[in-house]
Amino acid sequence: LFNRPAILLAHNVERNEYHGSARGFGDFHMLNALRACDDCGMLGRYGGHSSAAGVTVRGEHFAAFCHKMHDLADGI
């Protein structure tokens, strides 16, 4: 409907981390996008493939993760 990648995260307050699922769209390679965020040390764990992935984001990096993913998705 919106022709954009999507990420849905739930916040674990006790662990101060966000965990969830990501889906790519078209030529947007979700796993490569997550790798770009991991290079900056934002992620705890992640894995998947070009179209779908699971991800854990450290709480202190949540805002930066959102900004980075928006920047990466703006190119599609």
Protein backbone atom coordinates (compact mmCIF):
# COMPACT_ATOMS: atom_id res chain seq x y z
CA LEU A 1 0.00 0.00 0.00
CA PHE A 2 2.70 2.51 0.95
CA ASN A 3 5.51 0.92 -1.10
CA ARG A 4 8.07 1.37 1.67
CA PRO A 5 10.11 -0.92 3.91
CA ALA A 6 8.58 -1.45 7.36
CA ILE A 7 9.93 -2.25 10.81
CA LEU A 8 7.80 -3.10 13.85
CA LEU A 9 9.55 -3.01 17.24
CA ALA A 10 8.43 -3.64 20.81
CA HIS A 11 10.22 -1.96 23.73
CA ASN A 12 11.52 -4.15 26.56
CA VAL A 13 11.81 -1.59 29.37
CA GLU A 14 13.69 -3.88 31.75
CA ARG A 15 16.43 -4.57 29.20
CA ASN A 16 16.22 -1.15 27.52
CA GLU A 17 16.11 -2.66 24.06
CA TYR A 18 13.71 -2.87 21.14
CA HIS A 19 13.05 -6.18 19.41
CA GLY A 20 11.07 -6.83 16.30
CA SER A 21 10.68 -7.67 12.67
CA ALA A 22 11.58 -5.88 9.45
CA ARG A 23 10.30 -6.24 5.89
CA GLY A 24 11.90 -4.82 2.79
CA PHE A 25 10.28 -3.53 -0.35
CA GLY A 26 11.33 -3.69 -3.99
CA ASP A 27 15.09 -3.26 -4.35
CA PHE A 28 15.57 -2.18 -0.73
CA HIS A 29 17.85 -4.83 0.83
CA MET A 30 16.80 -5.04 4.48
CA LEU A 31 19.76 -7.09 5.69
CA ASN A 32 22.23 -4.66 4.09
CA ALA A 33 20.42 -1.75 5.75
CA LEU A 34 20.70 -3.46 9.13
CA ARG A 35 24.39 -4.13 8.47
CA ALA A 36 24.85 -0.40 7.88
CA CYS A 37 23.30 0.28 11.29
CA ASP A 38 25.38 -2.43 12.96
CA ASP A 39 28.55 -0.74 11.66
CA CYS A 40 27.56 2.17 13.91
CA GLY A 41 27.07 -0.14 16.94
CA MET A 42 23.31 0.40 17.20
CA LEU A 43 22.21 -3.22 17.13
CA GLY A 44 22.32 -6.03 19.63
CA ARG A 45 21.36 -8.87 17.26
CA TYR A 46 19.96 -9.16 13.79
CA GLY A 47 19.60 -11.65 10.97
CA GLY A 48 17.57 -12.47 7.93
CA HIS A 49 17.77 -11.88 4.21
CA SER A 50 17.10 -9.19 1.62
CA SER A 51 13.32 -9.11 2.16
CA ALA A 52 12.88 -9.83 5.87
CA ALA A 53 14.84 -9.77 9.11
CA GLY A 54 14.64 -9.84 12.87
CA VAL A 55 16.43 -7.14 14.83
CA THR A 56 17.26 -5.98 18.36
CA VAL A 57 18.11 -2.29 18.81
CA ARG A 58 19.87 -1.03 21.92
CA GLY A 59 17.64 1.48 23.69
CA GLU A 60 20.23 4.24 23.78
CA HIS A 61 20.50 4.02 19.97
CA PHE A 62 16.79 3.88 19.12
CA ALA A 63 16.47 7.45 17.80
CA ALA A 64 19.68 7.18 15.78
CA PHE A 65 18.50 3.84 14.36
CA CYS A 66 15.21 5.40 13.24
CA HIS A 67 17.00 8.31 11.56
CA LYS A 68 19.50 6.01 9.82
CA MET A 69 16.77 3.70 8.51
CA HIS A 70 14.74 6.67 7.25
CA ASP A 71 17.81 8.00 5.46
CA LEU A 72 18.49 4.62 3.86
CA ALA A 73 14.85 4.18 2.79
CA ASP A 74 14.67 7.69 1.28
CA GLY A 75 16.76 6.42 -1.61
CA ILE A 76 14.10 4.04 -2.91
